Amino acid sequence: MTAFDETFDFVVVGSGGGSMCCALTLKTGGKSVAILEKTSLIGGTTARSGGVMWIPNNPFMKRDGVPDSFEQATTYLDAVVGSPNDAPGTSAERRGTYLVEGVEMVNFLVAQGIKLNRVSYWPDYYDDAPGGSEQGRTVVAELFNVNELGAWKSKLRPNFLSMMSTLDEMLQLRFLKQSWASKRIAARFMLRTVGAKLTGKHYVTAGAALQGRMLQASLKAGVELRTDSPVTELIAEDGVVKGIVTTRDGKPWRIGARLGVLVNAGGFARNQAMRDEHIPGTSTNWSLTAEGDTGEMILEMARLGAATAQMEEFVGNQIAIPPGMEDVAIKPVVQGVTASPHCILVDQSGVRYMNEGGSYMAYCRNMLIRNREVAAVPSWAIMDQQFLKKYMLANTMPGTKKPKSWFETGFLKKADSIEELAKLISIDPAALRGTVDRFNGFVAQNHDDDFQRGDRAYDRWLGDKYAPNASLGSIDQGPFYAMEVLPGDVGTYGGVVTDTNARVLREDGSVIEGLYATGVSTASSMGRVYPGAGASVGPSFVWGYVTAKHVLAKSA
């Protein structure tokens, strides 16, 4: 028998999306729980992210009269995900469990005092597929006064958004030049910021709001949370996981787990060696994940015999790297740039090769696939003066003068003609001119015959709802500009294979007793597809909740 330095009923490795959800559920069942976070900050990449959960048929949809059902969501997932033989993380049974337990999970969190809501309009990424929802199935946290955490405030991982505005509001601010409604929203959050300072409050948004609220509830419930506590080993006896080895005061510290261990330690986006093996041609420097996303717990579970799958998949999120931000952790996301009017994406031969709207995961996958035949990493965003006047670019507001360093370093190329621009980016002028002319022809006829950009509601949502065509606009008013676009990411999408109870499985399908996993430590239950906003955070929470329910039922 292993001698432990201390023992809990359950141990959670990592403090990302599903960790505190699992811990809260177990605490309501009277179990002792410890969450061990290897970095100095709580919340994982979830805290840094948009903090959106994709939960079909959620109670906020019902409240707002947005139609959805288990059957509709099943139809959608069957249509866009299916059951590919090479994606063991997904199955009809796993997806069905997700849909049922997701609704229960949201209701549970609300009952615990977690203030959640929905974004009013955020279409599914394949909304035109059978069962798709144009209104969207998103669940987010309401703004959170982080000062309520007291001494733990400094332990919450900061979000990529520093403004005291909701995601709903932020999504409208990009139309500041076109909409009085957007101007009123800007005034509202400015007043909120002033009011917060006067009243001693500090509101955080998106993932920080979600994880801040989860942290507050976990502390209140009596969950043991420890930072700077990396887990180096899973302890198994007779094939059953009984505990872990961590570090305390610089020495190994063995913690027993009577009822099991949940691994929610992220993926391997910050591990270049694992990226080179599974997702070649990508870089850790393009990732927006937290620094602890280094994959060692996936390898540790594999050491115990866990099956792994879908390791070549990642949640791509196209980025640009302005001068001075090469070593900054959170780089500008340019998801909406090439989906907006007056802009396209071309490879290094000057050819447009995909619908620039749609899922960011599919977008970046398309870049890598194209790159196998024609150099496309990086690709080039091609835009004109109309674009710069109307839309945000790399975190700068519409119509503003761009930094001098952008032009001096070549981050943003500028020319008076398409042909001159082509020469600046080493593309055949005739090729780029032909691509732009072809696209402008589609604009004139009001339809993209090549890639159907704008046919989906999600494409149009990414674009400009105030423009004559939300997705298409001519590129014909100089000067003209080009900017490199890279296949960044918000996490990997492969890991260990789990069952409908979130238990980790071996290659032969047998269960590793006492070992559970969720989040991007697992092979996604969404297979190789990102069906809608929050298709990583949502599953992390849901399978964390499922873990706790299974543990409680088993120990009853």
Protein backbone atom coordinates (compact mmCIF):
# COMPACT_ATOMS: atom_id res chain seq x y z
CA MET A 1 0.00 0.00 0.00
CA THR A 2 1.23 3.47 -0.89
CA ALA A 3 1.91 5.82 2.00
CA PHE A 4 0.38 9.25 1.39
CA ASP A 5 1.32 12.57 2.97
CA GLU A 6 -2.36 13.56 2.97
CA THR A 7 -5.58 12.26 1.50
CA PHE A 8 -8.75 13.71 -0.04
CA ASP A 9 -11.81 12.00 -1.41
CA PHE A 10 -10.99 13.38 -4.86
CA VAL A 11 -8.16 15.24 -6.56
CA VAL A 12 -8.43 17.46 -9.65
CA VAL A 13 -5.32 18.20 -11.71
CA GLY A 14 -5.50 21.66 -13.28
CA SER A 15 -7.85 24.57 -12.62
CA GLY A 16 -9.33 25.14 -16.09
CA GLY A 17 -12.92 24.99 -17.26
CA GLY A 18 -14.34 21.83 -15.72
CA SER A 19 -12.19 21.62 -12.60
CA MET A 20 -14.18 23.82 -10.25
CA CYS A 21 -17.45 22.58 -11.75
CA CYS A 22 -16.46 19.04 -10.78
CA ALA A 23 -15.26 20.14 -7.35
CA LEU A 24 -18.44 22.11 -6.60
CA THR A 25 -20.61 19.14 -7.56
CA LEU A 26 -18.61 16.81 -5.33
CA LYS A 27 -18.75 19.25 -2.41
CA THR A 28 -22.54 19.31 -2.61
CA GLY A 29 -22.31 15.54 -2.11
CA GLY A 30 -20.18 15.98 0.98
CA LYS A 31 -16.84 14.97 -0.49
CA SER A 32 -13.45 16.57 0.17
CA VAL A 33 -11.74 17.88 -2.96
CA ALA A 34 -8.34 19.37 -3.79
CA ILE A 35 -7.59 21.24 -7.01
CA LEU A 36 -3.90 21.37 -7.90
CA GLU A 37 -2.76 24.05 -10.36
CA LYS A 38 0.85 23.91 -11.53
CA THR A 39 1.13 27.62 -12.40
CA SER A 40 0.80 30.56 -10.04
CA LEU A 41 -2.65 31.52 -11.40
CA ILE A 42 -6.09 29.92 -11.20
CA GLY A 43 -8.40 29.49 -14.17
CA GLY A 44 -6.34 27.96 -16.96
CA THR A 45 -6.80 29.00 -20.57
CA THR A 46 -10.55 29.23 -19.83
CA ALA A 47 -9.95 32.36 -17.73
CA ARG A 48 -7.95 33.90 -20.55
CA SER A 49 -10.54 33.01 -23.21
CA GLY A 50 -13.97 34.29 -24.17
CA GLY A 51 -15.37 31.99 -21.50
CA VAL A 52 -18.20 30.81 -23.75
CA MET A 53 -19.91 27.45 -23.26
CA TRP A 54 -21.76 25.82 -26.17
CA ILE A 55 -24.78 24.29 -24.46
CA PRO A 56 -27.72 23.36 -26.72
CA ASN A 57 -31.27 23.66 -25.38
CA ASN A 58 -30.03 25.73 -22.45
CA PRO A 59 -32.49 27.46 -20.08
CA PHE A 60 -31.63 30.95 -21.37
CA MET A 61 -32.73 29.95 -24.85
CA LYS A 62 -36.04 28.80 -23.41
CA ARG A 63 -36.37 32.04 -21.44
CA ASP A 64 -35.84 34.11 -24.60
CA GLY A 65 -38.04 31.99 -26.82
CA VAL A 66 -35.20 30.65 -28.96
CA PRO A 67 -36.27 27.25 -30.31
CA ASP A 68 -34.11 24.22 -29.55
CA SER A 69 -34.48 20.67 -28.30
CA PHE A 70 -32.48 17.53 -27.64
CA GLU A 71 -33.67 16.21 -31.00
CA GLN A 72 -32.72 19.37 -32.91
CA ALA A 73 -29.26 19.50 -31.33
CA THR A 74 -28.77 15.78 -32.01
CA THR A 75 -29.65 16.31 -35.66
CA TYR A 76 -27.12 19.14 -35.83
CA LEU A 77 -24.26 17.23 -34.24
CA ASP A 78 -24.99 14.14 -36.32
CA ALA A 79 -24.84 16.34 -39.43
CA VAL A 80 -21.64 18.26 -38.69
CA VAL A 81 -19.69 15.82 -36.50
CA GLY A 82 -21.00 12.39 -37.40
CA SER A 83 -19.14 9.35 -36.09
CA PRO A 84 -15.85 9.20 -37.99
CA ASN A 85 -13.88 6.01 -37.42
CA ASP A 86 -10.70 7.99 -36.85
CA ALA A 87 -12.18 10.14 -34.05
CA PRO A 88 -12.75 7.85 -31.05
CA GLY A 89 -13.45 10.82 -28.79
CA THR A 90 -16.89 11.19 -30.32
CA SER A 91 -19.86 8.86 -30.68
CA ALA A 92 -23.63 9.19 -30.75
CA GLU A 93 -23.70 8.04 -27.12
CA ARG A 94 -21.10 10.57 -25.98
CA ARG A 95 -22.84 13.40 -27.80
CA GLY A 96 -26.21 12.38 -26.39
CA THR A 97 -24.81 12.38 -22.88
CA TYR A 98 -23.31 15.79 -23.49
CA LEU A 99 -26.63 17.27 -24.60
CA VAL A 100 -28.52 15.93 -21.58
CA GLU A 101 -25.89 16.66 -18.95
CA GLY A 102 -25.07 20.11 -20.37
CA VAL A 103 -28.52 21.41 -19.51
CA GLU A 104 -28.33 19.83 -16.04
CA MET A 105 -24.88 21.32 -15.50
CA VAL A 106 -26.05 24.86 -16.30
CA ASN A 107 -29.02 24.48 -13.97
CA PHE A 108 -26.70 23.21 -11.23
CA LEU A 109 -24.33 26.17 -11.56
CA VAL A 110 -27.20 28.66 -11.52
CA ALA A 111 -28.50 26.98 -8.35
CA GLN A 112 -25.05 27.49 -6.80
CA GLY A 113 -25.35 31.24 -7.42
CA ILE A 114 -23.22 31.39 -10.58
CA LYS A 115 -24.70 34.21 -12.65
CA LEU A 116 -24.91 33.06 -16.26
CA ASN A 117 -26.65 34.34 -19.36
CA ARG A 118 -26.56 33.99 -23.14
CA VAL A 119 -25.18 36.17 -25.89
CA SER A 120 -28.22 37.50 -27.73
CA TYR A 121 -27.03 36.46 -31.20
CA TRP A 122 -24.10 34.17 -31.98
CA PRO A 123 -24.92 31.68 -34.74
CA ASP A 124 -23.69 28.11 -34.72
CA TYR A 125 -20.67 27.81 -36.98
CA TYR A 126 -22.57 25.56 -39.41
CA ASP A 127 -25.96 27.16 -38.87
CA ASP A 128 -27.11 26.14 -42.34
CA ALA A 129 -26.74 22.43 -41.49
CA PRO A 130 -29.79 20.45 -40.36
CA GLY A 131 -30.59 21.33 -36.74
CA GLY A 132 -28.36 24.40 -36.72
CA SER A 133 -29.30 27.43 -34.63
CA GLU A 134 -28.97 30.88 -36.13
CA GLN A 135 -29.56 32.55 -32.75
CA GLY A 136 -26.87 30.37 -31.18
CA ARG A 137 -26.46 28.13 -28.16
CA THR A 138 -23.94 30.13 -26.14
CA VAL A 139 -23.80 30.46 -22.34
CA VAL A 140 -21.56 33.06 -20.70
CA ALA A 141 -20.99 34.52 -17.24
CA GLU A 142 -22.21 37.97 -16.29
CA LEU A 143 -19.63 40.61 -15.43
CA PHE A 144 -17.90 39.85 -12.14
CA ASN A 145 -16.49 42.24 -9.55
CA VAL A 146 -13.15 40.56 -9.01
CA ASN A 147 -12.60 42.53 -5.81
CA GLU A 148 -15.10 40.15 -4.21
CA LEU A 149 -12.32 37.53 -4.24
CA GLY A 150 -10.31 39.45 -1.68
CA ALA A 151 -6.80 38.05 -1.38
CA TRP A 152 -7.54 35.55 -4.14
CA LYS A 153 -8.01 38.35 -6.66
CA SER A 154 -4.33 38.26 -7.56
CA LYS A 155 -4.57 34.50 -8.12
CA LEU A 156 -7.14 34.73 -10.94
CA ARG A 157 -5.64 34.52 -14.41
CA PRO A 158 -6.31 37.78 -16.34
CA ASN A 159 -8.53 37.79 -19.42
CA PHE A 160 -7.49 38.94 -22.88
CA LEU A 161 -10.10 41.72 -22.58
CA SER A 162 -9.35 44.45 -20.07
CA MET A 163 -12.44 46.57 -20.73
CA MET A 164 -15.38 46.35 -18.32
CA SER A 165 -17.85 45.27 -20.98
CA THR A 166 -19.83 42.14 -21.67
CA LEU A 167 -19.09 39.95 -24.67
CA ASP A 168 -22.41 41.05 -26.14
CA GLU A 169 -21.24 44.67 -25.91
CA MET A 170 -17.76 43.93 -27.24
CA LEU A 171 -19.23 42.23 -30.29
CA GLN A 172 -21.06 45.45 -31.13
CA LEU A 173 -18.11 47.81 -30.64
CA ARG A 174 -16.56 46.81 -33.96
CA PHE A 175 -19.38 48.76 -35.63
CA LEU A 176 -18.48 52.01 -33.88
CA LYS A 177 -18.12 53.83 -37.20
CA GLN A 178 -21.44 52.64 -38.61
CA SER A 179 -23.88 52.43 -35.71
CA TRP A 180 -25.29 54.82 -33.12
CA ALA A 181 -26.26 51.74 -31.10
CA SER A 182 -22.57 50.83 -30.91
CA LYS A 183 -21.72 54.37 -29.84
CA ARG A 184 -24.29 54.14 -27.05
CA ILE A 185 -22.79 50.82 -25.93
CA ALA A 186 -19.33 52.44 -25.84
CA ALA A 187 -20.72 55.26 -23.69
CA ARG A 188 -22.40 52.74 -21.39
CA PHE A 189 -19.26 50.78 -20.59
CA MET A 190 -17.26 54.00 -20.18
CA LEU A 191 -19.79 55.12 -17.57
CA ARG A 192 -19.59 51.67 -15.97
CA THR A 193 -15.80 51.98 -15.79
CA VAL A 194 -16.02 55.39 -14.12
CA GLY A 195 -18.71 54.15 -11.74
CA ALA A 196 -16.66 51.11 -10.81
CA LYS A 197 -13.68 53.25 -9.91
CA LEU A 198 -15.83 55.53 -7.78
CA THR A 199 -17.39 52.60 -5.91
CA GLY A 200 -14.25 50.50 -5.52
CA LYS A 201 -15.27 47.78 -7.94
CA HIS A 202 -13.29 46.11 -10.69
CA TYR A 203 -15.37 44.20 -13.21
CA VAL A 204 -13.84 41.45 -15.32
CA THR A 205 -15.44 39.90 -18.36
CA ALA A 206 -15.53 36.78 -20.54
CA GLY A 207 -13.45 33.86 -19.23
CA ALA A 208 -12.18 35.77 -16.22
CA ALA A 209 -15.78 36.47 -15.19
CA LEU A 210 -16.70 32.80 -15.59
CA GLN A 211 -13.68 31.49 -13.73
CA GLY A 212 -13.83 34.30 -11.17
CA ARG A 213 -17.37 33.29 -10.28
CA MET A 214 -16.39 29.61 -10.21
CA LEU A 215 -13.43 30.39 -7.95
CA GLN A 216 -15.61 32.40 -5.57
CA ALA A 217 -18.16 29.58 -5.33
CA SER A 218 -15.44 26.95 -4.88
CA LEU A 219 -13.80 28.85 -2.05
CA LYS A 220 -17.17 29.36 -0.37
CA ALA A 221 -17.88 25.63 -0.67
CA GLY A 222 -14.58 24.73 0.96
CA VAL A 223 -12.69 23.34 -2.01
CA GLU A 224 -8.93 23.16 -1.37
CA LEU A 225 -7.20 25.13 -4.14
CA ARG A 226 -3.43 25.16 -4.48
CA THR A 227 -1.28 27.01 -6.98
CA ASP A 228 2.35 26.24 -7.86
CA SER A 229 1.50 22.56 -7.41
CA PRO A 230 2.52 20.64 -10.54
CA VAL A 231 1.51 16.99 -10.66
CA THR A 232 4.40 14.81 -11.78
CA GLU A 233 2.92 11.34 -11.43
CA LEU A 234 -0.33 9.43 -11.20
CA ILE A 235 -0.11 6.72 -8.55
CA ALA A 236 -1.78 3.45 -9.53
CA GLU A 237 -2.11 0.21 -7.59
CA ASP A 238 -3.34 -2.93 -9.32
CA GLY A 239 -4.45 -0.82 -12.28
CA VAL A 240 -6.49 1.60 -10.15
CA VAL A 241 -5.47 5.24 -9.78
CA LYS A 242 -5.23 6.01 -6.07
CA GLY A 243 -3.49 9.38 -5.95
CA ILE A 244 -0.87 11.71 -7.35
CA VAL A 245 2.61 13.03 -6.69
CA THR A 246 2.97 16.80 -6.58
CA THR A 247 5.53 19.22 -5.16
CA ARG A 248 5.33 20.99 -1.84
CA ASP A 249 8.08 23.19 -0.43
CA GLY A 250 10.34 21.94 -3.19
CA LYS A 251 9.89 18.28 -2.26
CA PRO A 252 7.71 15.45 -3.62
CA TRP A 253 4.33 15.34 -1.87
CA ARG A 254 2.03 12.32 -2.25
CA ILE A 255 -1.70 12.94 -2.09
CA GLY A 256 -4.18 10.09 -1.89
CA ALA A 257 -7.51 10.22 -3.70
CA ARG A 258 -10.02 7.75 -2.22
CA LEU A 259 -12.53 8.11 -5.04
CA GLY A 260 -10.32 9.02 -7.97
CA VAL A 261 -8.50 11.72 -9.93
CA LEU A 262 -9.75 14.06 -12.68
CA VAL A 263 -7.18 15.35 -15.15
CA ASN A 264 -8.10 18.74 -16.62
CA ALA A 265 -4.60 19.99 -17.26
CA GLY A 266 -5.00 21.40 -20.77
CA GLY A 267 -3.49 20.11 -23.96
CA PHE A 268 -0.02 20.48 -25.47
CA ALA A 269 -0.23 23.80 -27.32
CA ARG A 270 2.87 25.08 -25.46
CA ASN A 271 4.96 21.97 -26.12
CA GLN A 272 6.85 22.42 -29.41
CA ALA A 273 8.12 18.84 -29.50
CA MET A 274 4.59 17.45 -29.25
CA ARG A 275 3.39 19.98 -31.83
CA ASP A 276 6.15 18.94 -34.21
CA GLU A 277 5.07 15.32 -33.81
CA HIS A 278 1.32 15.80 -34.12
CA ILE A 279 0.69 19.21 -35.74
CA PRO A 280 3.81 19.94 -37.80
CA GLY A 281 4.22 23.39 -39.26
CA THR A 282 2.76 25.17 -36.25
CA SER A 283 4.41 27.06 -33.40
CA THR A 284 3.95 27.45 -29.66
CA ASN A 285 4.50 31.16 -30.25
CA TRP A 286 1.23 31.32 -32.19
CA SER A 287 -0.80 29.87 -29.33
CA LEU A 288 -3.08 31.94 -27.09
CA THR A 289 -3.18 29.29 -24.37
CA ALA A 290 -1.85 29.64 -20.83
CA GLU A 291 1.79 28.84 -20.29
CA GLY A 292 1.00 25.60 -18.44
CA ASP A 293 -0.53 23.97 -21.54
CA THR A 294 2.43 21.64 -22.05
CA GLY A 295 0.92 18.17 -22.37
CA GLU A 296 2.77 16.23 -19.70
CA MET A 297 -0.43 14.89 -18.13
CA ILE A 298 -1.54 13.44 -21.45
CA LEU A 299 1.79 11.62 -21.58
CA GLU A 300 1.43 10.52 -17.96
CA MET A 301 -2.03 9.06 -18.61
CA ALA A 302 -0.64 7.32 -21.69
CA ARG A 303 2.07 5.82 -19.47
CA LEU A 304 -0.72 4.11 -17.54
CA GLY A 305 -2.10 2.71 -20.78
CA ALA A 306 -4.60 5.37 -21.78
CA ALA A 307 -5.59 5.46 -25.43
CA THR A 308 -5.02 8.76 -27.23
CA ALA A 309 -6.70 10.06 -30.36
CA GLN A 310 -7.29 13.11 -32.55
CA MET A 311 -3.86 14.44 -31.56
CA GLU A 312 -3.40 16.26 -34.90
CA GLU A 313 -6.42 18.47 -34.26
CA PHE A 314 -6.25 21.94 -32.77
CA VAL A 315 -8.68 24.80 -32.22
CA GLY A 316 -7.17 27.18 -34.72
CA ASN A 317 -7.68 30.90 -34.25
CA GLN A 318 -6.10 33.07 -36.92
CA ILE A 319 -3.72 35.71 -35.58
CA ALA A 320 -1.40 38.51 -36.63
CA ILE A 321 1.79 39.53 -34.84
CA PRO A 322 2.42 43.30 -34.92
CA PRO A 323 5.94 44.55 -34.19
CA GLY A 324 6.67 44.52 -30.49
CA MET A 325 4.23 41.69 -29.81
CA GLU A 326 6.47 38.81 -30.88
CA ASP A 327 6.91 37.67 -27.27
CA VAL A 328 3.54 38.81 -25.92
CA ALA A 329 1.38 35.91 -24.75
CA ILE A 330 -1.93 37.19 -26.15
CA LYS A 331 -1.59 38.26 -29.77
CA PRO A 332 -4.28 39.98 -31.86
CA VAL A 333 -6.93 37.62 -33.17
CA VAL A 334 -7.96 38.56 -36.70
CA GLN A 335 -10.90 36.20 -37.05
CA GLY A 336 -13.23 38.88 -38.38
CA VAL A 337 -10.74 40.67 -40.63
CA THR A 338 -10.86 38.57 -43.78
CA ALA A 339 -14.54 37.78 -43.20
CA SER A 340 -15.43 41.47 -43.48
CA PRO A 341 -16.22 43.33 -46.70
CA HIS A 342 -13.28 44.74 -48.71
CA CYS A 343 -10.87 41.99 -47.64
CA ILE A 344 -9.81 38.52 -48.79
CA LEU A 345 -7.19 35.92 -47.86
CA VAL A 346 -4.68 34.62 -50.43
CA ASP A 347 -1.85 32.14 -50.32
CA GLN A 348 1.72 33.03 -51.29
CA SER A 349 0.91 32.52 -54.96
CA GLY A 350 -1.82 35.16 -54.75
CA VAL A 351 -4.73 32.71 -54.99
CA ARG A 352 -7.80 32.80 -52.78
CA TYR A 353 -8.39 29.26 -51.50
CA MET A 354 -11.26 29.17 -48.98
CA ASN A 355 -14.31 30.83 -47.47
CA GLU A 356 -12.77 33.43 -45.16
CA GLY A 357 -15.79 33.27 -42.84
CA GLY A 358 -16.91 30.27 -40.84
CA SER A 359 -15.28 28.33 -38.04
CA TYR A 360 -11.81 29.50 -37.00
CA MET A 361 -10.86 25.88 -36.44
CA ALA A 362 -11.74 25.04 -40.06
CA TYR A 363 -10.04 28.25 -41.25
CA CYS A 364 -6.67 27.37 -39.73
CA ARG A 365 -6.95 23.73 -40.73
CA ASN A 366 -7.51 24.91 -44.31
CA MET A 367 -4.33 26.98 -44.09
CA LEU A 368 -2.28 23.93 -43.11
CA ILE A 369 -3.90 21.72 -45.75
CA ARG A 370 -3.26 24.33 -48.44
CA ASN A 371 0.31 24.71 -47.25
CA ARG A 372 1.03 21.09 -48.23
CA GLU A 373 0.63 22.03 -51.90
CA VAL A 374 1.14 25.81 -52.08
CA ALA A 375 2.92 27.97 -49.50
CA ALA A 376 0.12 29.35 -47.30
CA VAL A 377 1.69 29.77 -43.85
CA PRO A 378 1.61 32.66 -43.52
CA SER A 379 -1.16 33.73 -45.87
CA TRP A 380 -1.92 37.34 -46.78
CA ALA A 381 -4.97 39.42 -45.91
CA ILE A 382 -5.54 41.78 -48.85
CA MET A 383 -7.66 44.86 -48.17
CA ASP A 384 -8.26 48.40 -49.37
CA GLN A 385 -8.78 51.82 -47.84
CA GLN A 386 -12.50 51.18 -47.39
CA PHE A 387 -11.66 48.38 -44.97
CA LEU A 388 -9.31 50.49 -42.86
CA LYS A 389 -11.89 53.26 -42.56
CA LYS A 390 -14.66 50.96 -41.38
CA TYR A 391 -13.16 48.07 -39.42
CA MET A 392 -10.80 47.15 -36.61
CA LEU A 393 -7.39 45.78 -37.52
CA ALA A 394 -5.07 44.00 -35.09
CA ASN A 395 -6.67 45.63 -32.03
CA THR A 396 -6.73 49.14 -33.52
CA MET A 397 -10.00 51.01 -33.96
CA PRO A 398 -11.59 51.74 -37.34
CA GLY A 399 -10.33 54.82 -39.16
CA THR A 400 -7.43 55.39 -36.79
CA LYS A 401 -3.91 56.06 -38.01
CA LYS A 402 -1.89 52.88 -37.88
CA PRO A 403 1.42 52.78 -35.99
CA LYS A 404 4.43 53.94 -37.97
CA SER A 405 6.27 50.77 -36.93
CA TRP A 406 3.72 48.66 -38.79
CA PHE A 407 4.89 50.09 -42.09
CA GLU A 408 8.56 50.36 -41.17
CA THR A 409 8.77 46.68 -40.25
CA GLY A 410 6.58 45.50 -43.11
CA PHE A 411 3.89 44.13 -40.80
CA LEU A 412 1.40 46.13 -42.86
CA LYS A 413 2.32 46.57 -46.52
CA LYS A 414 0.90 49.57 -48.39
CA ALA A 415 0.79 50.39 -52.10
CA ASP A 416 -1.14 52.58 -54.51
CA SER A 417 -2.11 49.67 -56.75
CA ILE A 418 -2.77 45.94 -56.45
CA GLU A 419 0.18 45.27 -58.75
CA GLU A 420 2.57 47.29 -56.57
CA LEU A 421 1.22 45.54 -53.47
CA ALA A 422 1.84 42.16 -55.10
CA LYS A 423 5.49 43.03 -55.65
CA LEU A 424 5.87 43.99 -51.97
CA ILE A 425 4.74 40.53 -50.90
CA SER A 426 6.60 38.62 -53.65
CA ILE A 427 3.48 37.59 -55.55
CA ASP A 428 3.05 37.67 -59.32
CA PRO A 429 1.17 40.96 -59.97
CA ALA A 430 -1.01 39.38 -62.64
CA ALA A 431 -2.01 36.56 -60.29
CA LEU A 432 -3.07 38.89 -57.48
CA ARG A 433 -4.83 41.23 -59.91
CA GLY A 434 -6.74 38.26 -61.31
CA THR A 435 -7.78 37.11 -57.84
CA VAL A 436 -8.96 40.58 -56.80
CA ASP A 437 -10.83 41.11 -60.06
CA ARG A 438 -12.56 37.74 -59.71
CA PHE A 439 -13.61 38.56 -56.15
CA ASN A 440 -14.85 42.00 -57.19
CA GLY A 441 -16.95 40.27 -59.82
CA PHE A 442 -18.58 38.19 -57.10
CA VAL A 443 -19.24 41.38 -55.13
CA ALA A 444 -20.94 42.91 -58.17
CA GLN A 445 -23.22 39.89 -58.56
CA ASN A 446 -23.78 39.71 -54.79
CA HIS A 447 -22.64 36.09 -54.45
CA ASP A 448 -19.33 34.29 -53.91
CA ASP A 449 -19.49 31.50 -56.48
CA ASP A 450 -16.12 30.05 -55.48
CA PHE A 451 -16.56 29.56 -51.72
CA GLN A 452 -20.08 30.76 -50.85
CA ARG A 453 -18.84 33.30 -48.35
CA GLY A 454 -21.88 34.95 -46.84
CA ASP A 455 -24.33 32.13 -47.46
CA ARG A 456 -24.26 31.18 -43.76
CA ALA A 457 -25.62 33.42 -41.02
CA TYR A 458 -22.34 32.95 -39.16
CA ASP A 459 -20.36 34.32 -42.11
CA ARG A 460 -22.59 37.39 -42.15
CA TRP A 461 -22.30 37.78 -38.37
CA LEU A 462 -18.52 37.86 -38.67
CA GLY A 463 -18.85 40.56 -41.32
CA ASP A 464 -20.75 43.86 -41.25
CA LYS A 465 -24.50 43.79 -40.76
CA TYR A 466 -24.67 47.49 -41.69
CA ALA A 467 -23.05 47.01 -45.11
CA PRO A 468 -25.01 46.40 -48.35
CA ASN A 469 -23.64 42.84 -48.19
CA ALA A 470 -22.46 41.72 -44.74
CA SER A 471 -19.68 39.53 -46.17
CA LEU A 472 -18.76 40.93 -49.56
CA GLY A 473 -17.31 44.32 -50.48
CA SER A 474 -15.15 45.38 -53.41
CA ILE A 475 -11.39 45.84 -53.10
CA ASP A 476 -11.01 48.80 -55.45
CA GLN A 477 -10.21 51.97 -53.49
CA GLY A 478 -6.51 52.61 -52.88
CA PRO A 479 -4.24 52.62 -51.17
CA PHE A 480 -4.19 48.86 -50.80
CA TYR A 481 -2.79 46.87 -47.89
CA ALA A 482 -1.49 43.38 -47.08
CA MET A 483 -0.96 41.75 -43.67
CA GLU A 484 0.36 38.32 -42.75
CA VAL A 485 -2.14 35.91 -41.16
CA LEU A 486 -0.94 32.89 -39.18
CA PRO A 487 -2.74 29.73 -37.96
CA GLY A 488 -2.77 30.50 -34.25
CA ASP A 489 -4.78 28.52 -31.76
CA VAL A 490 -6.67 28.55 -28.48
CA GLY A 491 -5.75 24.97 -27.69
CA THR A 492 -5.19 21.49 -29.01
CA TYR A 493 -8.17 19.18 -29.55
CA GLY A 494 -6.79 15.69 -29.01
CA GLY A 495 -5.85 13.67 -25.95
CA VAL A 496 -6.97 10.62 -24.03
CA VAL A 497 -10.13 8.75 -24.98
CA THR A 498 -12.94 8.74 -22.40
CA ASP A 499 -16.37 7.12 -22.09
CA THR A 500 -19.83 8.50 -21.33
CA ASN A 501 -18.86 8.79 -17.65
CA ALA A 502 -15.62 10.68 -18.47
CA ARG A 503 -13.55 7.66 -17.41
CA VAL A 504 -10.23 7.24 -19.22
CA LEU A 505 -10.07 4.19 -21.51
CA ARG A 506 -7.29 1.89 -22.64
CA GLU A 507 -6.73 0.94 -26.28
CA ASP A 508 -8.85 -2.20 -25.77
CA GLY A 509 -11.75 -0.10 -24.47
CA SER A 510 -11.36 -1.14 -20.84
CA VAL A 511 -11.57 1.49 -18.08
CA ILE A 512 -8.60 2.72 -16.06
CA GLU A 513 -10.38 2.71 -12.72
CA GLY A 514 -10.11 5.88 -10.66
CA LEU A 515 -8.98 8.02 -13.58
CA TYR A 516 -11.21 10.63 -15.25
CA ALA A 517 -10.39 13.36 -17.75
CA THR A 518 -12.02 16.40 -19.31
CA GLY A 519 -11.18 19.49 -21.34
CA VAL A 520 -8.49 19.42 -23.99
CA SER A 521 -6.63 16.76 -22.06
CA THR A 522 -9.08 14.50 -23.91
CA ALA A 523 -9.94 13.60 -27.49
CA SER A 524 -12.86 15.97 -28.06
CA SER A 525 -16.40 14.62 -27.93
CA MET A 526 -16.99 16.98 -30.87
CA GLY A 527 -14.63 14.90 -32.98
CA ARG A 528 -12.79 16.99 -35.56
CA VAL A 529 -15.35 19.81 -35.74
CA TYR A 530 -16.04 23.00 -33.79
CA PRO A 531 -19.84 23.23 -33.96
CA GLY A 532 -20.21 26.60 -32.23
CA ALA A 533 -18.70 29.15 -29.88
CA GLY A 534 -17.61 27.44 -26.67
CA ALA A 535 -17.11 23.93 -28.05
CA SER A 536 -14.00 23.51 -25.86
CA VAL A 537 -15.07 25.25 -22.66
CA GLY A 538 -18.57 23.75 -22.76
CA PRO A 539 -17.37 20.14 -22.90
CA SER A 540 -14.76 20.82 -20.22
CA PHE A 541 -17.49 21.92 -17.82
CA VAL A 542 -19.96 19.22 -18.82
CA TRP A 543 -17.56 16.29 -18.51
CA GLY A 544 -16.27 17.68 -15.21
CA TYR A 545 -19.87 17.67 -14.00
CA VAL A 546 -20.41 14.14 -15.36
CA THR A 547 -17.27 12.99 -13.53
CA ALA A 548 -18.60 14.25 -10.21
CA LYS A 549 -22.01 12.67 -10.73
CA HIS A 550 -20.41 9.31 -11.52
CA VAL A 551 -18.13 9.49 -8.48
CA LEU A 552 -21.04 10.38 -6.19
CA ALA A 553 -23.22 7.59 -7.57
CA LYS A 554 -20.42 5.05 -7.26
CA SER A 555 -19.63 6.03 -3.68
CA ALA A 556 -23.25 6.16 -2.50
